[in-house]
Structures are given as structure tokens and as C-alpha cells.
Amino acid sequence: MSAEINALRPLLKYFEVLIDEYPNPISQTQLAEKCSVTKSAVSKIRDDLKRFCNMRVLAFQRKLLLKLDSETFWKIFGLFFLELKFTRFLSSKYTKHFIEKMNIHEKMIEVKDLDYGRYFSEEDTDLLAHIVLRNICSCQIGKDLKNRFEVWFESSEEGLVLPLFPIIQTFLDIVYNFNLDVFENVDELLRIIQLRDKFYEFIKSIAAKMINEWVIVKTIEDSEKKAYYFEAYLAAIDYFLTSILSKATENIRKAAEEKKIPFDQRYSEIGKSYFVPKSNEKV
């Protein structure tokens, strides 16, 4: 465990207030009240907090407001992660503003050979970010998983090769229980279905590029044999991807039924609601 992050533990309850107050600066008195501590308690940790706060706001308004740079964000996230409160952090107003500042859509478009803009619009990207965050924040960490995390953190202090099971398990829990229930009417439901199919086509396109670069495929000289291996690998990936998205679609159908929103049976067919534009087009 990073000694620097570990040293931030006394600041956790103050950060919990500051990440939810963002982007509104608050005084030390307000911070003390919201944390149910004395003003002198805040004064004692003020210098430690200052390192994470906007100095201009502190100088001119004498109030505390977290900085929104990457270094500050990841250090605070590291603290919440080590305390198993990462969902608390990711659901905060501070994280929401940090993500907006990242301009994820423009950065994804700029990634070479990804063709991200061919599949997703800026509105799609915003919705994807919202869905992913919502799912991470709804992930429940059971007692057994907490114990595994604690062992993982303790091992890191000793510099051991770490078992990644806690992180992998959490990731799989999110993937297999992915919740796309972010719609309230037919139009919003259709948008989710289309977003699902855009994601399906996008991942398949990336998989195809990766398979073409695999040594086991590149070294095959016989063109028919190479095509056979390519199709076999792609079919395996397609099967895995379709299985995950089918489960997510079933969750969508159940949510639609509960909300009395008509669910067309065609929505259950993965990849049928979206047609990939030509390579020189964008969505």
C-alpha cells in the first residue's frame, strides 16, 4: 500500500464532504459542521487539506474547493479505493465534473485506428459514461470480497506479486450484472438498444483488427487456412460478447415490463437495430 495514500486516511471524512460539495467552495466552519467536528479539529488538518485545494479560491475567498487536476483526482480516488469506498467517490459531484472535463469523446476519436467516431456520437459517449459509472457505483462488495481486498492491500506493502482476484471478481460482477435501466419511455429504450448494438459492432471491429495482428494468424501462409482461423477466433469472441449482451438485454426487458414500456421482440436480437456506417462516415 502506498505510504502516501495511507497517510491521507485522517482526511477521509473531510474529503467525503468536499467531493459532494463540489463545485461550491465551503468555509472551515461549514466543513466542521458537516463533519460533526470542532473548528480546531479542521484547523489541525487544514495544511494537509490545502495541498488538494484550489489555492486561488483559498486566497481570495478563504474557502476550500478541491482541485480538479488528474493528480489530485487519482490520489483521492486511491484513498477511497483502499478504504473500499470507491463507489462513494465515483458517485460524487466531484467525479462527475472531472469526467466532463476529460472530454472523453474527443480523446476517443483521436485514438489512431480505433474508428470510435464511426460508431458513437458525443451523446452516446456521455450516456456510456453515465451507465458505466452507475454500474460501478451500484456494485456491492460482500464480506468475503472485502477480506480478499484487505489481504491484497497488506501484500502490496510487502512488495509481493499480488493476486488480482478481488479486482477481477468485481469486474466480472459488474459485467455479468450490467444494468442498462436508464430509460423512462419508448424513445429512450430504443436509444439504449441502439447503443448496445453500436457497442457490439465496435467491439467486433476491434477484435477483428487484433486477430489480424496475432502472430498465430500472421504466420499462416495458406490464405484459406488463415481465413478459417480468423473466422474461428472471431466467432468465439462473438459468442462471448453476444452472451453478455443477451443477459443485459434480458435485464432491459424486465425493466421495461416493470415500467409498462412496450418491448419489441426484435430488441432481443443483438446487432439488429444498428447499421454500421461506411468507413468515411460518422454517426
C-alpha atoms as a PDB file:
ATOM      1  CA  MET A   1       0.000   0.000   0.000  1.00  0.00           C
ATOM      2  CA  SER A   2       1.343   3.411  -0.881  1.00  0.00           C
ATOM      3  CA  ALA A   3       2.594   5.157   2.252  1.00  0.00           C
ATOM      4  CA  GLU A   4       1.488   8.484   0.789  1.00  0.00           C
ATOM      5  CA  ILE A   5      -2.090   7.315   0.257  1.00  0.00           C
ATOM      6  CA  ASN A   6      -2.132   5.618   3.664  1.00  0.00           C
ATOM      7  CA  ALA A   7      -1.152   8.913   5.284  1.00  0.00           C
ATOM      8  CA  LEU A   8      -4.313  10.504   3.894  1.00  0.00           C
ATOM      9  CA  ARG A   9      -6.639   8.309   5.949  1.00  0.00           C
ATOM     10  CA  PRO A  10      -7.248  11.000   8.645  1.00  0.00           C
ATOM     11  CA  LEU A  11      -8.589  13.238   5.851  1.00  0.00           C
ATOM     12  CA  LEU A  12     -11.177  10.762   4.559  1.00  0.00           C
ATOM     13  CA  LYS A  13     -14.243  12.223   6.296  1.00  0.00           C
ATOM     14  CA  TYR A  14     -13.301  15.706   5.124  1.00  0.00           C
ATOM     15  CA  PHE A  15     -12.885  14.533   1.539  1.00  0.00           C
ATOM     16  CA  GLU A  16     -16.299  12.862   1.764  1.00  0.00           C
ATOM     17  CA  VAL A  17     -17.839  16.285   2.304  1.00  0.00           C
ATOM     18  CA  LEU A  18     -15.684  18.149  -0.211  1.00  0.00           C
ATOM     19  CA  ILE A  19     -16.376  15.745  -3.106  1.00  0.00           C
ATOM     20  CA  ASP A  20     -20.126  16.212  -2.662  1.00  0.00           C
ATOM     21  CA  GLU A  21     -19.946  19.985  -2.192  1.00  0.00           C
ATOM     22  CA  TYR A  22     -18.001  20.442  -5.436  1.00  0.00           C
ATOM     23  CA  PRO A  23     -18.030  22.861  -7.266  1.00  0.00           C
ATOM     24  CA  ASN A  24     -19.153  25.039  -4.347  1.00  0.00           C
ATOM     25  CA  PRO A  25     -16.358  26.256  -2.032  1.00  0.00           C
ATOM     26  CA  ILE A  26     -17.063  25.901   1.689  1.00  0.00           C
ATOM     27  CA  SER A  27     -15.529  27.537   4.744  1.00  0.00           C
ATOM     28  CA  GLN A  28     -13.697  25.720   7.505  1.00  0.00           C
ATOM     29  CA  THR A  29     -16.669  26.378   9.775  1.00  0.00           C
ATOM     30  CA  GLN A  30     -19.052  24.750   7.303  1.00  0.00           C
ATOM     31  CA  LEU A  31     -16.691  21.818   6.869  1.00  0.00           C
ATOM     32  CA  ALA A  32     -16.515  21.332  10.635  1.00  0.00           C
ATOM     33  CA  GLU A  33     -20.308  21.360  10.904  1.00  0.00           C
ATOM     34  CA  LYS A  34     -20.787  18.878   8.079  1.00  0.00           C
ATOM     35  CA  CYS A  35     -18.140  16.561   9.535  1.00  0.00           C
ATOM     36  CA  SER A  36     -19.501  16.940  13.081  1.00  0.00           C
ATOM     37  CA  VAL A  37     -16.121  18.046  14.439  1.00  0.00           C
ATOM     38  CA  THR A  38     -14.832  21.176  16.114  1.00  0.00           C
ATOM     39  CA  LYS A  39     -13.320  24.110  14.255  1.00  0.00           C
ATOM     40  CA  SER A  40      -9.993  23.378  15.925  1.00  0.00           C
ATOM     41  CA  ALA A  41     -10.074  19.834  14.505  1.00  0.00           C
ATOM     42  CA  VAL A  42     -10.335  21.269  10.984  1.00  0.00           C
ATOM     43  CA  SER A  43      -7.583  23.795  11.758  1.00  0.00           C
ATOM     44  CA  LYS A  44      -5.239  20.944  12.666  1.00  0.00           C
ATOM     45  CA  ILE A  45      -5.599  19.269   9.271  1.00  0.00           C
ATOM     46  CA  ARG A  46      -6.016  22.485   7.249  1.00  0.00           C
ATOM     47  CA  ASP A  47      -2.443  22.433   5.917  1.00  0.00           C
ATOM     48  CA  ASP A  48      -2.846  18.832   4.768  1.00  0.00           C
ATOM     49  CA  LEU A  49      -6.113  19.687   3.018  1.00  0.00           C
ATOM     50  CA  LYS A  50      -4.621  22.764   1.361  1.00  0.00           C
ATOM     51  CA  ARG A  51      -2.423  20.540  -0.835  1.00  0.00           C
ATOM     52  CA  PHE A  52      -5.579  19.267  -2.519  1.00  0.00           C
ATOM     53  CA  CYS A  53      -7.465  22.546  -2.740  1.00  0.00           C
ATOM     54  CA  ASN A  54      -7.629  25.370  -5.249  1.00  0.00           C
ATOM     55  CA  MET A  55      -5.190  27.964  -3.873  1.00  0.00           C
ATOM     56  CA  ARG A  56      -6.822  30.855  -5.731  1.00  0.00           C
ATOM     57  CA  VAL A  57     -10.180  30.146  -4.091  1.00  0.00           C
ATOM     58  CA  LEU A  58      -8.459  29.688  -0.754  1.00  0.00           C
ATOM     59  CA  ALA A  59      -6.599  33.002  -1.093  1.00  0.00           C
ATOM     60  CA  PHE A  60      -9.471  35.174  -2.305  1.00  0.00           C
ATOM     61  CA  GLN A  61     -12.484  33.535  -0.663  1.00  0.00           C
ATOM     62  CA  ARG A  62     -10.810  31.810   2.287  1.00  0.00           C
ATOM     63  CA  LYS A  63     -12.790  28.698   1.391  1.00  0.00           C
ATOM     64  CA  LEU A  64     -11.970  25.124   0.479  1.00  0.00           C
ATOM     65  CA  LEU A  65     -12.541  23.733  -3.016  1.00  0.00           C
ATOM     66  CA  LEU A  66     -10.820  20.627  -4.338  1.00  0.00           C
ATOM     67  CA  LYS A  67      -8.520  20.981  -7.343  1.00  0.00           C
ATOM     68  CA  LEU A  68      -9.771  19.217 -10.449  1.00  0.00           C
ATOM     69  CA  ASP A  69      -6.450  18.064 -11.901  1.00  0.00           C
ATOM     70  CA  SER A  70      -5.591  14.419 -12.591  1.00  0.00           C
ATOM     71  CA  GLU A  71      -3.006  14.106  -9.822  1.00  0.00           C
ATOM     72  CA  THR A  72      -5.465  15.278  -7.152  1.00  0.00           C
ATOM     73  CA  PHE A  73      -8.275  13.136  -8.521  1.00  0.00           C
ATOM     74  CA  TRP A  74      -6.281   9.889  -8.554  1.00  0.00           C
ATOM     75  CA  LYS A  75      -4.754  10.419  -5.124  1.00  0.00           C
ATOM     76  CA  ILE A  76      -8.166  10.957  -3.537  1.00  0.00           C
ATOM     77  CA  PHE A  77      -9.592   8.055  -5.513  1.00  0.00           C
ATOM     78  CA  GLY A  78      -6.715   5.893  -4.233  1.00  0.00           C
ATOM     79  CA  LEU A  79      -7.690   6.712  -0.658  1.00  0.00           C
ATOM     80  CA  PHE A  80     -11.357   5.837  -1.229  1.00  0.00           C
ATOM     81  CA  PHE A  81     -10.330   2.685  -3.071  1.00  0.00           C
ATOM     82  CA  LEU A  82      -8.134   1.495  -0.208  1.00  0.00           C
ATOM     83  CA  GLU A  83     -10.985   2.195   2.197  1.00  0.00           C
ATOM     84  CA  LEU A  84     -13.344   0.184  -0.064  1.00  0.00           C
ATOM     85  CA  LYS A  85     -15.420   3.306  -0.662  1.00  0.00           C
ATOM     86  CA  PHE A  86     -14.625   3.749  -4.346  1.00  0.00           C
ATOM     87  CA  THR A  87     -18.326   3.632  -5.286  1.00  0.00           C
ATOM     88  CA  ARG A  88     -18.902   6.520  -2.877  1.00  0.00           C
ATOM     89  CA  PHE A  89     -16.211   8.532  -4.634  1.00  0.00           C
ATOM     90  CA  LEU A  90     -17.310   7.680  -8.178  1.00  0.00           C
ATOM     91  CA  SER A  91     -20.902   8.717  -7.496  1.00  0.00           C
ATOM     92  CA  SER A  92     -19.858  12.145  -6.209  1.00  0.00           C
ATOM     93  CA  LYS A  93     -20.317  15.543  -7.880  1.00  0.00           C
ATOM     94  CA  TYR A  94     -16.533  15.887  -7.949  1.00  0.00           C
ATOM     95  CA  THR A  95     -16.147  12.801 -10.149  1.00  0.00           C
ATOM     96  CA  LYS A  96     -18.973  13.965 -12.413  1.00  0.00           C
ATOM     97  CA  HIS A  97     -17.208  17.272 -13.065  1.00  0.00           C
ATOM     98  CA  PHE A  98     -13.851  15.546 -13.541  1.00  0.00           C
ATOM     99  CA  ILE A  99     -15.297  13.262 -16.218  1.00  0.00           C
ATOM    100  CA  GLU A 100     -16.908  16.221 -18.001  1.00  0.00           C
ATOM    101  CA  LYS A 101     -13.542  17.986 -18.012  1.00  0.00           C
ATOM    102  CA  MET A 102     -11.831  14.954 -19.576  1.00  0.00           C
ATOM    103  CA  ASN A 103     -13.586  15.403 -22.962  1.00  0.00           C
ATOM    104  CA  ILE A 104     -13.663  11.631 -23.356  1.00  0.00           C
ATOM    105  CA  HIS A 105     -15.409  11.671 -26.726  1.00  0.00           C
ATOM    106  CA  GLU A 106     -12.823  13.873 -28.428  1.00  0.00           C
ATOM    107  CA  LYS A 107      -9.962  11.838 -26.970  1.00  0.00           C
ATOM    108  CA  MET A 108     -11.512   8.567 -28.120  1.00  0.00           C
ATOM    109  CA  ILE A 109     -11.943   9.944 -31.641  1.00  0.00           C
ATOM    110  CA  GLU A 110      -8.262  10.895 -31.731  1.00  0.00           C
ATOM    111  CA  VAL A 111      -7.088   7.343 -30.941  1.00  0.00           C
ATOM    112  CA  LYS A 112      -5.430   6.025 -34.076  1.00  0.00           C
ATOM    113  CA  ASP A 113      -7.159   3.147 -35.915  1.00  0.00           C
ATOM    114  CA  LEU A 114      -9.929   2.916 -33.319  1.00  0.00           C
ATOM    115  CA  ASP A 115     -12.657   4.390 -35.566  1.00  0.00           C
ATOM    116  CA  TYR A 116     -14.575   5.390 -32.444  1.00  0.00           C
ATOM    117  CA  GLY A 117     -16.386   8.265 -34.166  1.00  0.00           C
ATOM    118  CA  ARG A 118     -17.670   5.852 -36.783  1.00  0.00           C
ATOM    119  CA  TYR A 119     -19.842   4.192 -34.154  1.00  0.00           C
ATOM    120  CA  PHE A 120     -20.511   6.678 -31.356  1.00  0.00           C
ATOM    121  CA  SER A 121     -21.723  10.267 -31.163  1.00  0.00           C
ATOM    122  CA  GLU A 122     -20.845  12.609 -28.307  1.00  0.00           C
ATOM    123  CA  GLU A 123     -24.280  11.953 -26.807  1.00  0.00           C
ATOM    124  CA  ASP A 124     -23.564   8.212 -26.972  1.00  0.00           C
ATOM    125  CA  THR A 125     -20.288   8.706 -25.124  1.00  0.00           C
ATOM    126  CA  ASP A 126     -21.949  10.753 -22.386  1.00  0.00           C
ATOM    127  CA  LEU A 127     -24.597   8.060 -21.969  1.00  0.00           C
ATOM    128  CA  LEU A 128     -21.969   5.299 -21.898  1.00  0.00           C
ATOM    129  CA  ALA A 129     -20.001   7.133 -19.210  1.00  0.00           C
ATOM    130  CA  HIS A 130     -23.193   7.580 -17.178  1.00  0.00           C
ATOM    131  CA  ILE A 131     -24.102   3.895 -17.494  1.00  0.00           C
ATOM    132  CA  VAL A 132     -20.621   2.644 -16.604  1.00  0.00           C
ATOM    133  CA  LEU A 133     -20.382   4.890 -13.547  1.00  0.00           C
ATOM    134  CA  ARG A 134     -23.874   3.925 -12.442  1.00  0.00           C
ATOM    135  CA  ASN A 135     -22.975   0.231 -12.619  1.00  0.00           C
ATOM    136  CA  ILE A 136     -19.678   0.630 -10.782  1.00  0.00           C
ATOM    137  CA  CYS A 137     -21.384   2.645  -8.077  1.00  0.00           C
ATOM    138  CA  SER A 138     -24.115   0.037  -7.615  1.00  0.00           C
ATOM    139  CA  CYS A 139     -21.606  -2.785  -7.205  1.00  0.00           C
ATOM    140  CA  GLN A 140     -21.906  -4.344  -3.751  1.00  0.00           C
ATOM    141  CA  ILE A 141     -18.748  -5.647  -2.102  1.00  0.00           C
ATOM    142  CA  GLY A 142     -19.520  -8.688   0.024  1.00  0.00           C
ATOM    143  CA  LYS A 143     -17.725  -9.627   3.232  1.00  0.00           C
ATOM    144  CA  ASP A 144     -15.627 -12.301   1.528  1.00  0.00           C
ATOM    145  CA  LEU A 145     -14.526  -9.892  -1.194  1.00  0.00           C
ATOM    146  CA  LYS A 146     -13.658  -7.266   1.426  1.00  0.00           C
ATOM    147  CA  ASN A 147     -11.403  -9.771   3.176  1.00  0.00           C
ATOM    148  CA  ARG A 148      -9.679 -10.572  -0.111  1.00  0.00           C
ATOM    149  CA  PHE A 149      -9.130  -6.853  -0.761  1.00  0.00           C
ATOM    150  CA  GLU A 150      -7.591  -6.438   2.693  1.00  0.00           C
ATOM    151  CA  VAL A 151      -5.187  -9.330   2.062  1.00  0.00           C
ATOM    152  CA  TRP A 152      -4.365  -7.829  -1.325  1.00  0.00           C
ATOM    153  CA  PHE A 153      -3.557  -4.429   0.227  1.00  0.00           C
ATOM    154  CA  GLU A 154      -1.458  -5.956   3.016  1.00  0.00           C
ATOM    155  CA  SER A 155       0.516  -7.977   0.491  1.00  0.00           C
ATOM    156  CA  SER A 156       1.287  -4.854  -1.505  1.00  0.00           C
ATOM    157  CA  GLU A 157       3.092  -3.372   1.475  1.00  0.00           C
ATOM    158  CA  GLU A 158       5.471  -6.317   1.376  1.00  0.00           C
ATOM    159  CA  GLY A 159       6.148  -5.915  -2.326  1.00  0.00           C
ATOM    160  CA  LEU A 160       4.764  -9.349  -3.184  1.00  0.00           C
ATOM    161  CA  VAL A 161       3.340 -10.458  -6.506  1.00  0.00           C
ATOM    162  CA  LEU A 162      -0.325  -9.659  -5.913  1.00  0.00           C
ATOM    163  CA  PRO A 163      -3.303 -11.886  -6.655  1.00  0.00           C
ATOM    164  CA  LEU A 164      -5.679  -9.829  -8.797  1.00  0.00           C
ATOM    165  CA  PHE A 165      -8.761 -11.834  -7.838  1.00  0.00           C
ATOM    166  CA  PRO A 166     -10.570  -9.014  -5.967  1.00  0.00           C
ATOM    167  CA  ILE A 167     -10.369  -6.653  -8.932  1.00  0.00           C
ATOM    168  CA  ILE A 168     -11.176  -9.375 -11.472  1.00  0.00           C
ATOM    169  CA  GLN A 169     -14.105 -10.604  -9.383  1.00  0.00           C
ATOM    170  CA  THR A 170     -15.512  -7.091  -9.038  1.00  0.00           C
ATOM    171  CA  PHE A 171     -15.138  -6.529 -12.790  1.00  0.00           C
ATOM    172  CA  LEU A 172     -16.929  -9.785 -13.624  1.00  0.00           C
ATOM    173  CA  ASP A 173     -19.714  -8.971 -11.161  1.00  0.00           C
ATOM    174  CA  ILE A 174     -20.274  -5.690 -12.995  1.00  0.00           C
ATOM    175  CA  VAL A 175     -20.096  -7.249 -16.478  1.00  0.00           C
ATOM    176  CA  TYR A 176     -22.461 -10.145 -15.816  1.00  0.00           C
ATOM    177  CA  ASN A 177     -24.957  -7.971 -13.946  1.00  0.00           C
ATOM    178  CA  PHE A 178     -24.641  -4.905 -16.153  1.00  0.00           C
ATOM    179  CA  ASN A 179     -27.651  -2.658 -15.672  1.00  0.00           C
ATOM    180  CA  LEU A 180     -28.877  -0.619 -18.650  1.00  0.00           C
ATOM    181  CA  ASP A 181     -32.032   0.583 -16.931  1.00  0.00           C
ATOM    182  CA  VAL A 182     -31.606   4.275 -17.767  1.00  0.00           C
ATOM    183  CA  PHE A 183     -34.780   4.812 -19.797  1.00  0.00           C
ATOM    184  CA  GLU A 184     -38.268   6.118 -18.982  1.00  0.00           C
ATOM    185  CA  ASN A 185     -40.048   5.957 -22.352  1.00  0.00           C
ATOM    186  CA  VAL A 186     -40.032   4.145 -25.709  1.00  0.00           C
ATOM    187  CA  ASP A 187     -37.604   6.574 -27.376  1.00  0.00           C
ATOM    188  CA  GLU A 188     -35.080   6.271 -24.543  1.00  0.00           C
ATOM    189  CA  LEU A 189     -35.461   2.489 -24.587  1.00  0.00           C
ATOM    190  CA  LEU A 190     -34.705   2.371 -28.311  1.00  0.00           C
ATOM    191  CA  ARG A 191     -31.652   4.552 -27.765  1.00  0.00           C
ATOM    192  CA  ILE A 192     -30.323   2.057 -25.222  1.00  0.00           C
ATOM    193  CA  ILE A 193     -30.933  -0.836 -27.629  1.00  0.00           C
ATOM    194  CA  GLN A 194     -29.119   1.035 -30.399  1.00  0.00           C
ATOM    195  CA  LEU A 195     -26.268   1.894 -28.054  1.00  0.00           C
ATOM    196  CA  ARG A 196     -25.989  -1.802 -27.149  1.00  0.00           C
ATOM    197  CA  ASP A 197     -25.706  -2.715 -30.828  1.00  0.00           C
ATOM    198  CA  LYS A 198     -23.206   0.053 -31.548  1.00  0.00           C
ATOM    199  CA  PHE A 199     -21.080  -1.308 -28.733  1.00  0.00           C
ATOM    200  CA  TYR A 200     -21.450  -4.825 -30.183  1.00  0.00           C
ATOM    201  CA  GLU A 201     -20.262  -3.757 -33.637  1.00  0.00           C
ATOM    202  CA  PHE A 202     -17.486  -1.599 -32.184  1.00  0.00           C
ATOM    203  CA  ILE A 203     -16.024  -4.426 -30.086  1.00  0.00           C
ATOM    204  CA  LYS A 204     -16.225  -6.822 -33.039  1.00  0.00           C
ATOM    205  CA  SER A 205     -14.302  -4.349 -35.213  1.00  0.00           C
ATOM    206  CA  ILE A 206     -11.579  -4.045 -32.585  1.00  0.00           C
ATOM    207  CA  ALA A 207     -11.457  -7.843 -32.193  1.00  0.00           C
ATOM    208  CA  ALA A 208     -11.038  -8.298 -35.950  1.00  0.00           C
ATOM    209  CA  LYS A 209      -8.074  -5.901 -36.005  1.00  0.00           C
ATOM    210  CA  MET A 210      -6.465  -7.626 -33.034  1.00  0.00           C
ATOM    211  CA  ILE A 211      -6.876 -11.113 -34.515  1.00  0.00           C
ATOM    212  CA  ASN A 212      -5.225  -9.981 -37.741  1.00  0.00           C
ATOM    213  CA  GLU A 213      -2.197  -8.922 -35.682  1.00  0.00           C
ATOM    214  CA  TRP A 214      -1.881 -12.130 -33.680  1.00  0.00           C
ATOM    215  CA  VAL A 215       1.334 -13.968 -34.514  1.00  0.00           C
ATOM    216  CA  ILE A 216      -0.507 -17.287 -34.700  1.00  0.00           C
ATOM    217  CA  VAL A 217      -2.608 -15.854 -37.537  1.00  0.00           C
ATOM    218  CA  LYS A 218       0.010 -13.689 -39.259  1.00  0.00           C
ATOM    219  CA  THR A 219       2.429 -16.598 -39.636  1.00  0.00           C
ATOM    220  CA  ILE A 220      -0.075 -18.772 -41.532  1.00  0.00           C
ATOM    221  CA  GLU A 221       0.875 -18.616 -45.196  1.00  0.00           C
ATOM    222  CA  ASP A 222      -2.074 -20.530 -46.628  1.00  0.00           C
ATOM    223  CA  SER A 223      -4.784 -17.906 -47.260  1.00  0.00           C
ATOM    224  CA  GLU A 224      -7.700 -20.327 -46.834  1.00  0.00           C
ATOM    225  CA  LYS A 225      -6.300 -21.681 -43.584  1.00  0.00           C
ATOM    226  CA  LYS A 226      -5.663 -18.144 -42.331  1.00  0.00           C
ATOM    227  CA  ALA A 227      -9.245 -17.157 -43.148  1.00  0.00           C
ATOM    228  CA  TYR A 228     -10.502 -20.254 -41.319  1.00  0.00           C
ATOM    229  CA  TYR A 229      -8.536 -19.410 -38.153  1.00  0.00           C
ATOM    230  CA  PHE A 230      -9.628 -15.778 -38.350  1.00  0.00           C
ATOM    231  CA  GLU A 231     -13.311 -16.702 -38.577  1.00  0.00           C
ATOM    232  CA  ALA A 232     -12.971 -19.264 -35.768  1.00  0.00           C
ATOM    233  CA  TYR A 233     -11.410 -16.775 -33.356  1.00  0.00           C
ATOM    234  CA  LEU A 234     -13.890 -14.070 -34.315  1.00  0.00           C
ATOM    235  CA  ALA A 235     -16.795 -16.481 -33.827  1.00  0.00           C
ATOM    236  CA  ALA A 236     -15.567 -17.327 -30.314  1.00  0.00           C
ATOM    237  CA  ILE A 237     -15.377 -13.637 -29.409  1.00  0.00           C
ATOM    238  CA  ASP A 238     -18.794 -13.023 -30.960  1.00  0.00           C
ATOM    239  CA  TYR A 239     -20.293 -15.855 -28.897  1.00  0.00           C
ATOM    240  CA  PHE A 240     -18.858 -14.480 -25.649  1.00  0.00           C
ATOM    241  CA  LEU A 241     -19.930 -10.917 -26.455  1.00  0.00           C
ATOM    242  CA  THR A 242     -23.432 -11.968 -27.508  1.00  0.00           C
ATOM    243  CA  SER A 243     -23.860 -13.982 -24.309  1.00  0.00           C
ATOM    244  CA  ILE A 244     -23.048 -10.980 -22.120  1.00  0.00           C
ATOM    245  CA  LEU A 245     -25.235  -8.590 -24.121  1.00  0.00           C
ATOM    246  CA  SER A 246     -28.121 -11.075 -24.171  1.00  0.00           C
ATOM    247  CA  LYS A 247     -28.096 -11.165 -20.383  1.00  0.00           C
ATOM    248  CA  ALA A 248     -28.020  -7.359 -20.279  1.00  0.00           C
ATOM    249  CA  THR A 249     -30.908  -7.280 -22.777  1.00  0.00           C
ATOM    250  CA  GLU A 250     -32.981  -9.584 -20.600  1.00  0.00           C
ATOM    251  CA  ASN A 251     -32.475  -7.116 -17.743  1.00  0.00           C
ATOM    252  CA  ILE A 252     -33.623  -4.315 -20.070  1.00  0.00           C
ATOM    253  CA  ARG A 253     -36.754  -6.301 -20.999  1.00  0.00           C
ATOM    254  CA  LYS A 254     -37.632  -6.886 -17.349  1.00  0.00           C
ATOM    255  CA  ALA A 255     -37.132  -3.191 -16.544  1.00  0.00           C
ATOM    256  CA  ALA A 256     -39.356  -2.222 -19.497  1.00  0.00           C
ATOM    257  CA  GLU A 257     -42.105  -4.551 -18.280  1.00  0.00           C
ATOM    258  CA  GLU A 258     -41.954  -3.047 -14.804  1.00  0.00           C
ATOM    259  CA  LYS A 259     -42.275   0.442 -16.295  1.00  0.00           C
ATOM    260  CA  LYS A 260     -45.097  -0.613 -18.631  1.00  0.00           C
ATOM    261  CA  ILE A 261     -42.982   0.305 -21.671  1.00  0.00           C
ATOM    262  CA  PRO A 262     -43.559  -1.867 -24.785  1.00  0.00           C
ATOM    263  CA  PHE A 263     -40.565  -4.093 -25.563  1.00  0.00           C
ATOM    264  CA  ASP A 264     -40.495  -5.169 -29.196  1.00  0.00           C
ATOM    265  CA  GLN A 265     -39.278  -8.770 -29.514  1.00  0.00           C
ATOM    266  CA  ARG A 266     -36.835  -7.619 -32.208  1.00  0.00           C
ATOM    267  CA  TYR A 267     -34.937  -5.727 -29.499  1.00  0.00           C
ATOM    268  CA  SER A 268     -33.698  -9.088 -28.207  1.00  0.00           C
ATOM    269  CA  GLU A 269     -31.734  -9.693 -31.413  1.00  0.00           C
ATOM    270  CA  ILE A 270     -28.200  -8.447 -30.792  1.00  0.00           C
ATOM    271  CA  GLY A 271     -26.852  -6.259 -33.589  1.00  0.00           C
ATOM    272  CA  LYS A 272     -30.133  -5.829 -35.498  1.00  0.00           C
ATOM    273  CA  SER A 273     -31.064  -2.260 -34.548  1.00  0.00           C
ATOM    274  CA  TYR A 274     -27.953  -0.535 -35.854  1.00  0.00           C
ATOM    275  CA  PHE A 275     -26.237  -0.472 -39.239  1.00  0.00           C
ATOM    276  CA  VAL A 276     -22.538   0.334 -39.381  1.00  0.00           C
ATOM    277  CA  PRO A 277     -21.885   3.463 -41.465  1.00  0.00           C
ATOM    278  CA  LYS A 278     -19.323   3.420 -44.231  1.00  0.00           C
ATOM    279  CA  SER A 279     -15.698   3.885 -43.215  1.00  0.00           C
ATOM    280  CA  ASN A 280     -15.704   7.556 -44.232  1.00  0.00           C
ATOM    281  CA  GLU A 281     -18.881   8.331 -42.307  1.00  0.00           C
ATOM    282  CA  LYS A 282     -19.559   9.131 -38.669  1.00  0.00           C
ATOM    283  CA  VAL A 283     -22.716   8.635 -36.655  1.00  0.00           C
END
